[in-house]
Amino acid sequence: MQQQNITGGNMAHGKKWVLTPEILETIKDCAIKGVTEANIARIVGLHPTAFSTKKKEYPEIEEVIKQSQAGGE
């Protein structure tokens, strides 16, 4: 899978990262394919540590990862 930044901006330039339906779908697709959470973080434009923080802020991230890894839709 080719790495892409789908946040529309560079976090270093003060852009706020917001979970969108498109990002959630990307997370789901990656989890289904077995992509590691560290790599999912990079794909959606976050450092892995920031991704962990966002999982707490947006519980649906953790939910979609668990469902996808369990084979659910």
PDB file of N, CA and C in Angstrom:
ATOM      1  N   MET A   1       0.843  -1.168   0.000  1.00  0.00           N
ATOM      2  CA  MET A   1       0.000   0.000   0.000  1.00  0.00           C
ATOM      3  C   MET A   1       0.890   1.233   0.000  1.00  0.00           C
ATOM      4  N   GLN A   2       0.637   2.136  -0.893  1.00  0.00           N
ATOM      5  CA  GLN A   2       1.427   3.345  -0.975  1.00  0.00           C
ATOM      6  C   GLN A   2       1.010   4.303   0.130  1.00  0.00           C
ATOM      7  N   GLN A   3       1.987   4.894   0.807  1.00  0.00           N
ATOM      8  CA  GLN A   3       1.701   5.816   1.889  1.00  0.00           C
ATOM      9  C   GLN A   3       1.194   7.120   1.321  1.00  0.00           C
ATOM     10  N   GLN A   4       0.132   7.634   1.949  1.00  0.00           N
ATOM     11  CA  GLN A   4      -0.411   8.905   1.514  1.00  0.00           C
ATOM     12  C   GLN A   4      -0.844   9.710   2.720  1.00  0.00           C
ATOM     13  N   ASN A   5      -0.815  10.996   2.589  1.00  0.00           N
ATOM     14  CA  ASN A   5      -1.299  11.876   3.637  1.00  0.00           C
ATOM     15  C   ASN A   5      -2.629  12.424   3.165  1.00  0.00           C
ATOM     16  N   ILE A   6      -3.706  12.040   3.847  1.00  0.00           N
ATOM     17  CA  ILE A   6      -5.026  12.454   3.399  1.00  0.00           C
ATOM     18  C   ILE A   6      -5.632  13.517   4.299  1.00  0.00           C
ATOM     19  N   THR A   7      -4.800  14.173   5.088  1.00  0.00           N
ATOM     20  CA  THR A   7      -5.321  15.183   5.999  1.00  0.00           C
ATOM     21  C   THR A   7      -5.445  16.539   5.325  1.00  0.00           C
ATOM     22  N   GLY A   8      -4.870  16.680   4.153  1.00  0.00           N
ATOM     23  CA  GLY A   8      -4.969  17.951   3.453  1.00  0.00           C
ATOM     24  C   GLY A   8      -4.012  19.008   3.960  1.00  0.00           C
ATOM     25  N   GLY A   9      -3.089  18.634   4.800  1.00  0.00           N
ATOM     26  CA  GLY A   9      -2.152  19.639   5.280  1.00  0.00           C
ATOM     27  C   GLY A   9      -1.057  19.026   6.113  1.00  0.00           C
ATOM     28  N   ASN A  10      -0.087  19.837   6.412  1.00  0.00           N
ATOM     29  CA  ASN A  10       1.058  19.417   7.193  1.00  0.00           C
ATOM     30  C   ASN A  10       0.858  19.867   8.631  1.00  0.00           C
ATOM     31  N   MET A  11       0.889  18.923   9.575  1.00  0.00           N
ATOM     32  CA  MET A  11       0.671  19.250  10.973  1.00  0.00           C
ATOM     33  C   MET A  11       1.697  20.271  11.483  1.00  0.00           C
ATOM     34  N   ALA A  12       2.864  20.291  10.919  1.00  0.00           N
ATOM     35  CA  ALA A  12       3.893  21.211  11.370  1.00  0.00           C
ATOM     36  C   ALA A  12       3.523  22.659  11.077  1.00  0.00           C
ATOM     37  N   HIS A  13       2.595  22.876  10.194  1.00  0.00           N
ATOM     38  CA  HIS A  13       2.182  24.225   9.830  1.00  0.00           C
ATOM     39  C   HIS A  13       0.886  24.619  10.520  1.00  0.00           C
ATOM     40  N   GLY A  14       0.538  23.953  11.626  1.00  0.00           N
ATOM     41  CA  GLY A  14      -0.581  24.355  12.439  1.00  0.00           C
ATOM     42  C   GLY A  14      -1.946  23.860  11.988  1.00  0.00           C
ATOM     43  N   LYS A  15      -1.999  22.961  11.045  1.00  0.00           N
ATOM     44  CA  LYS A  15      -3.283  22.407  10.607  1.00  0.00           C
ATOM     45  C   LYS A  15      -3.799  21.449  11.677  1.00  0.00           C
ATOM     46  N   LYS A  16      -5.052  21.607  12.046  1.00  0.00           N
ATOM     47  CA  LYS A  16      -5.652  20.724  13.035  1.00  0.00           C
ATOM     48  C   LYS A  16      -6.128  19.448  12.350  1.00  0.00           C
ATOM     49  N   TRP A  17      -5.773  18.314  12.920  1.00  0.00           N
ATOM     50  CA  TRP A  17      -6.193  17.018  12.389  1.00  0.00           C
ATOM     51  C   TRP A  17      -7.599  16.737  12.887  1.00  0.00           C
ATOM     52  N   VAL A  18      -8.493  16.423  11.977  1.00  0.00           N
ATOM     53  CA  VAL A  18      -9.882  16.123  12.309  1.00  0.00           C
ATOM     54  C   VAL A  18     -10.241  14.790  11.668  1.00  0.00           C
ATOM     55  N   LEU A  19     -10.903  13.939  12.428  1.00  0.00           N
ATOM     56  CA  LEU A  19     -11.344  12.658  11.891  1.00  0.00           C
ATOM     57  C   LEU A  19     -12.519  12.885  10.952  1.00  0.00           C
ATOM     58  N   THR A  20     -12.356  12.453   9.711  1.00  0.00           N
ATOM     59  CA  THR A  20     -13.422  12.558   8.717  1.00  0.00           C
ATOM     60  C   THR A  20     -13.884  11.152   8.355  1.00  0.00           C
ATOM     61  N   PRO A  21     -15.045  11.033   7.721  1.00  0.00           N
ATOM     62  CA  PRO A  21     -15.476   9.705   7.266  1.00  0.00           C
ATOM     63  C   PRO A  21     -14.456   9.055   6.331  1.00  0.00           C
ATOM     64  N   GLU A  22     -13.776   9.856   5.527  1.00  0.00           N
ATOM     65  CA  GLU A  22     -12.780   9.323   4.601  1.00  0.00           C
ATOM     66  C   GLU A  22     -11.578   8.757   5.350  1.00  0.00           C
ATOM     67  N   ILE A  23     -11.138   9.466   6.376  1.00  0.00           N
ATOM     68  CA  ILE A  23     -10.003   8.979   7.171  1.00  0.00           C
ATOM     69  C   ILE A  23     -10.398   7.714   7.914  1.00  0.00           C
ATOM     70  N   LEU A  24     -11.610   7.689   8.465  1.00  0.00           N
ATOM     71  CA  LEU A  24     -12.071   6.493   9.173  1.00  0.00           C
ATOM     72  C   LEU A  24     -12.137   5.292   8.230  1.00  0.00           C
ATOM     73  N   GLU A  25     -12.565   5.527   6.994  1.00  0.00           N
ATOM     74  CA  GLU A  25     -12.622   4.453   5.997  1.00  0.00           C
ATOM     75  C   GLU A  25     -11.209   3.962   5.660  1.00  0.00           C
ATOM     76  N   THR A  26     -10.250   4.883   5.565  1.00  0.00           N
ATOM     77  CA  THR A  26      -8.861   4.510   5.301  1.00  0.00           C
ATOM     78  C   THR A  26      -8.318   3.666   6.446  1.00  0.00           C
ATOM     79  N   ILE A  27      -8.610   4.073   7.678  1.00  0.00           N
ATOM     80  CA  ILE A  27      -8.176   3.304   8.848  1.00  0.00           C
ATOM     81  C   ILE A  27      -8.762   1.900   8.787  1.00  0.00           C
ATOM     82  N   LYS A  28     -10.047   1.805   8.467  1.00  0.00           N
ATOM     83  CA  LYS A  28     -10.718   0.509   8.360  1.00  0.00           C
ATOM     84  C   LYS A  28     -10.049  -0.360   7.298  1.00  0.00           C
ATOM     85  N   ASP A  29      -9.840   0.200   6.107  1.00  0.00           N
ATOM     86  CA  ASP A  29      -9.224  -0.559   5.015  1.00  0.00           C
ATOM     87  C   ASP A  29      -7.829  -1.050   5.403  1.00  0.00           C
ATOM     88  N   CYS A  30      -7.055  -0.194   6.054  1.00  0.00           N
ATOM     89  CA  CYS A  30      -5.709  -0.583   6.479  1.00  0.00           C
ATOM     90  C   CYS A  30      -5.759  -1.696   7.514  1.00  0.00           C
ATOM     91  N   ALA A  31      -6.649  -1.569   8.484  1.00  0.00           N
ATOM     92  CA  ALA A  31      -6.756  -2.590   9.534  1.00  0.00           C
ATOM     93  C   ALA A  31      -7.160  -3.933   8.944  1.00  0.00           C
ATOM     94  N   ILE A  32      -8.078  -3.927   7.977  1.00  0.00           N
ATOM     95  CA  ILE A  32      -8.489  -5.166   7.311  1.00  0.00           C
ATOM     96  C   ILE A  32      -7.291  -5.823   6.634  1.00  0.00           C
ATOM     97  N   LYS A  33      -6.414  -5.014   6.055  1.00  0.00           N
ATOM     98  CA  LYS A  33      -5.236  -5.525   5.338  1.00  0.00           C
ATOM     99  C   LYS A  33      -4.087  -5.895   6.276  1.00  0.00           C
ATOM    100  N   GLY A  34      -4.262  -5.647   7.572  1.00  0.00           N
ATOM    101  CA  GLY A  34      -3.225  -6.003   8.532  1.00  0.00           C
ATOM    102  C   GLY A  34      -2.114  -4.986   8.688  1.00  0.00           C
ATOM    103  N   VAL A  35      -2.354  -3.753   8.249  1.00  0.00           N
ATOM    104  CA  VAL A  35      -1.357  -2.699   8.400  1.00  0.00           C
ATOM    105  C   VAL A  35      -1.206  -2.389   9.891  1.00  0.00           C
ATOM    106  N   THR A  36       0.012  -2.202  10.346  1.00  0.00           N
ATOM    107  CA  THR A  36       0.242  -1.896  11.756  1.00  0.00           C
ATOM    108  C   THR A  36      -0.327  -0.529  12.104  1.00  0.00           C
ATOM    109  N   GLU A  37      -0.628  -0.339  13.387  1.00  0.00           N
ATOM    110  CA  GLU A  37      -1.158   0.963  13.804  1.00  0.00           C
ATOM    111  C   GLU A  37      -0.154   2.083  13.578  1.00  0.00           C
ATOM    112  N   ALA A  38       1.123   1.798  13.724  1.00  0.00           N
ATOM    113  CA  ALA A  38       2.144   2.822  13.466  1.00  0.00           C
ATOM    114  C   ALA A  38       2.098   3.268  12.009  1.00  0.00           C
ATOM    115  N   ASN A  39       1.927   2.314  11.109  1.00  0.00           N
ATOM    116  CA  ASN A  39       1.844   2.675   9.692  1.00  0.00           C
ATOM    117  C   ASN A  39       0.501   3.323   9.347  1.00  0.00           C
ATOM    118  N   ILE A  40      -0.576   2.872   9.994  1.00  0.00           N
ATOM    119  CA  ILE A  40      -1.872   3.540   9.786  1.00  0.00           C
ATOM    120  C   ILE A  40      -1.744   5.004  10.188  1.00  0.00           C
ATOM    121  N   ALA A  41      -1.099   5.241  11.320  1.00  0.00           N
ATOM    122  CA  ALA A  41      -0.903   6.617  11.788  1.00  0.00           C
ATOM    123  C   ALA A  41      -0.224   7.462  10.716  1.00  0.00           C
ATOM    124  N   ARG A  42       0.847   6.940  10.161  1.00  0.00           N
ATOM    125  CA  ARG A  42       1.587   7.694   9.141  1.00  0.00           C
ATOM    126  C   ARG A  42       0.738   7.919   7.894  1.00  0.00           C
ATOM    127  N   ILE A  43      -0.049   6.915   7.514  1.00  0.00           N
ATOM    128  CA  ILE A  43      -0.891   7.028   6.324  1.00  0.00           C
ATOM    129  C   ILE A  43      -1.917   8.147   6.482  1.00  0.00           C
ATOM    130  N   VAL A  44      -2.443   8.304   7.706  1.00  0.00           N
ATOM    131  CA  VAL A  44      -3.448   9.356   7.917  1.00  0.00           C
ATOM    132  C   VAL A  44      -2.828  10.667   8.398  1.00  0.00           C
ATOM    133  N   GLY A  45      -1.501  10.750   8.342  1.00  0.00           N
ATOM    134  CA  GLY A  45      -0.814  12.017   8.591  1.00  0.00           C
ATOM    135  C   GLY A  45      -0.483  12.319  10.033  1.00  0.00           C
ATOM    136  N   LEU A  46      -0.364  11.289  10.857  1.00  0.00           N
ATOM    137  CA  LEU A  46      -0.048  11.487  12.265  1.00  0.00           C
ATOM    138  C   LEU A  46       1.188  10.698  12.665  1.00  0.00           C
ATOM    139  N   HIS A  47       1.874  11.189  13.676  1.00  0.00           N
ATOM    140  CA  HIS A  47       2.936  10.422  14.318  1.00  0.00           C
ATOM    141  C   HIS A  47       2.244   9.327  15.128  1.00  0.00           C
ATOM    142  N   PRO A  48       2.836   8.157  15.259  1.00  0.00           N
ATOM    143  CA  PRO A  48       2.194   7.086  16.024  1.00  0.00           C
ATOM    144  C   PRO A  48       1.756   7.486  17.443  1.00  0.00           C
ATOM    145  N   THR A  49       2.539   8.321  18.109  1.00  0.00           N
ATOM    146  CA  THR A  49       2.151   8.783  19.446  1.00  0.00           C
ATOM    147  C   THR A  49       0.899   9.648  19.380  1.00  0.00           C
ATOM    148  N   ALA A  50       0.827  10.507  18.389  1.00  0.00           N
ATOM    149  CA  ALA A  50      -0.360  11.348  18.216  1.00  0.00           C
ATOM    150  C   ALA A  50      -1.575  10.493  17.860  1.00  0.00           C
ATOM    151  N   PHE A  51      -1.352   9.430  17.093  1.00  0.00           N
ATOM    152  CA  PHE A  51      -2.445   8.527  16.728  1.00  0.00           C
ATOM    153  C   PHE A  51      -3.030   7.883  17.984  1.00  0.00           C
ATOM    154  N   SER A  52      -2.180   7.495  18.912  1.00  0.00           N
ATOM    155  CA  SER A  52      -2.655   6.922  20.184  1.00  0.00           C
ATOM    156  C   SER A  52      -3.524   7.924  20.933  1.00  0.00           C
ATOM    157  N   THR A  53      -3.123   9.177  20.911  1.00  0.00           N
ATOM    158  CA  THR A  53      -3.907  10.226  21.558  1.00  0.00           C
ATOM    159  C   THR A  53      -5.245  10.405  20.850  1.00  0.00           C
ATOM    160  N   LYS A  54      -5.232  10.376  19.532  1.00  0.00           N
ATOM    161  CA  LYS A  54      -6.474  10.539  18.761  1.00  0.00           C
ATOM    162  C   LYS A  54      -7.425   9.370  18.985  1.00  0.00           C
ATOM    163  N   LYS A  55      -6.885   8.178  19.219  1.00  0.00           N
ATOM    164  CA  LYS A  55      -7.753   7.020  19.504  1.00  0.00           C
ATOM    165  C   LYS A  55      -8.531   7.247  20.796  1.00  0.00           C
ATOM    166  N   LYS A  56      -7.952   7.961  21.743  1.00  0.00           N
ATOM    167  CA  LYS A  56      -8.653   8.287  22.988  1.00  0.00           C
ATOM    168  C   LYS A  56      -9.682   9.395  22.748  1.00  0.00           C
ATOM    169  N   GLU A  57      -9.322  10.335  21.895  1.00  0.00           N
ATOM    170  CA  GLU A  57     -10.215  11.453  21.578  1.00  0.00           C
ATOM    171  C   GLU A  57     -11.397  10.999  20.720  1.00  0.00           C
ATOM    172  N   TYR A  58     -11.141  10.051  19.816  1.00  0.00           N
ATOM    173  CA  TYR A  58     -12.165   9.526  18.904  1.00  0.00           C
ATOM    174  C   TYR A  58     -12.286   8.015  19.106  1.00  0.00           C
ATOM    175  N   PRO A  59     -13.149   7.568  20.029  1.00  0.00           N
ATOM    176  CA  PRO A  59     -13.264   6.128  20.306  1.00  0.00           C
ATOM    177  C   PRO A  59     -13.635   5.303  19.078  1.00  0.00           C
ATOM    178  N   GLU A  60     -14.245   5.923  18.083  1.00  0.00           N
ATOM    179  CA  GLU A  60     -14.626   5.180  16.879  1.00  0.00           C
ATOM    180  C   GLU A  60     -13.410   4.667  16.113  1.00  0.00           C
ATOM    181  N   ILE A  61     -12.262   5.285  16.301  1.00  0.00           N
ATOM    182  CA  ILE A  61     -11.035   4.785  15.657  1.00  0.00           C
ATOM    183  C   ILE A  61     -10.706   3.398  16.202  1.00  0.00           C
ATOM    184  N   GLU A  62     -10.656   3.289  17.524  1.00  0.00           N
ATOM    185  CA  GLU A  62     -10.348   2.000  18.151  1.00  0.00           C
ATOM    186  C   GLU A  62     -11.397   0.961  17.780  1.00  0.00           C
ATOM    187  N   GLU A  63     -12.655   1.387  17.758  1.00  0.00           N
ATOM    188  CA  GLU A  63     -13.755   0.481  17.424  1.00  0.00           C
ATOM    189  C   GLU A  63     -13.601  -0.078  16.008  1.00  0.00           C
ATOM    190  N   VAL A  64     -13.319   0.790  15.042  1.00  0.00           N
ATOM    191  CA  VAL A  64     -13.211   0.326  13.651  1.00  0.00           C
ATOM    192  C   VAL A  64     -11.983  -0.570  13.470  1.00  0.00           C
ATOM    193  N   ILE A  65     -10.912  -0.294  14.194  1.00  0.00           N
ATOM    194  CA  ILE A  65      -9.726  -1.147  14.112  1.00  0.00           C
ATOM    195  C   ILE A  65     -10.049  -2.533  14.660  1.00  0.00           C
ATOM    196  N   LYS A  66     -10.678  -2.584  15.824  1.00  0.00           N
ATOM    197  CA  LYS A  66     -11.018  -3.879  16.431  1.00  0.00           C
ATOM    198  C   LYS A  66     -11.971  -4.667  15.535  1.00  0.00           C
ATOM    199  N   GLN A  67     -13.001  -4.012  15.022  1.00  0.00           N
ATOM    200  CA  GLN A  67     -13.962  -4.692  14.159  1.00  0.00           C
ATOM    201  C   GLN A  67     -13.294  -5.208  12.885  1.00  0.00           C
ATOM    202  N   SER A  68     -12.442  -4.399  12.304  1.00  0.00           N
ATOM    203  CA  SER A  68     -11.781  -4.778  11.058  1.00  0.00           C
ATOM    204  C   SER A  68     -10.825  -5.939  11.263  1.00  0.00           C
ATOM    205  N   GLN A  69     -10.090  -5.919  12.357  1.00  0.00           N
ATOM    206  CA  GLN A  69      -9.148  -6.999  12.636  1.00  0.00           C
ATOM    207  C   GLN A  69      -9.865  -8.294  12.971  1.00  0.00           C
ATOM    208  N   ALA A  70     -11.095  -8.176  13.483  1.00  0.00           N
ATOM    209  CA  ALA A  70     -11.892  -9.370  13.821  1.00  0.00           C
ATOM    210  C   ALA A  70     -12.650  -9.901  12.608  1.00  0.00           C
ATOM    211  N   GLY A  71     -12.533  -9.192  11.495  1.00  0.00           N
ATOM    212  CA  GLY A  71     -13.203  -9.629  10.272  1.00  0.00           C
ATOM    213  C   GLY A  71     -14.604  -9.073  10.104  1.00  0.00           C
ATOM    214  N   GLY A  72     -14.978  -8.148  10.972  1.00  0.00           N
ATOM    215  CA  GLY A  72     -16.299  -7.532  10.863  1.00  0.00           C
ATOM    216  C   GLY A  72     -16.288  -6.345   9.943  1.00  0.00           C
ATOM    217  N   GLU A  73     -17.446  -5.946   9.514  1.00  0.00           N
ATOM    218  CA  GLU A  73     -17.561  -4.765   8.658  1.00  0.00           C
ATOM    219  C   GLU A  73     -18.035  -3.621   9.466  1.00  0.00           C
TER     220      GLU A  73
END
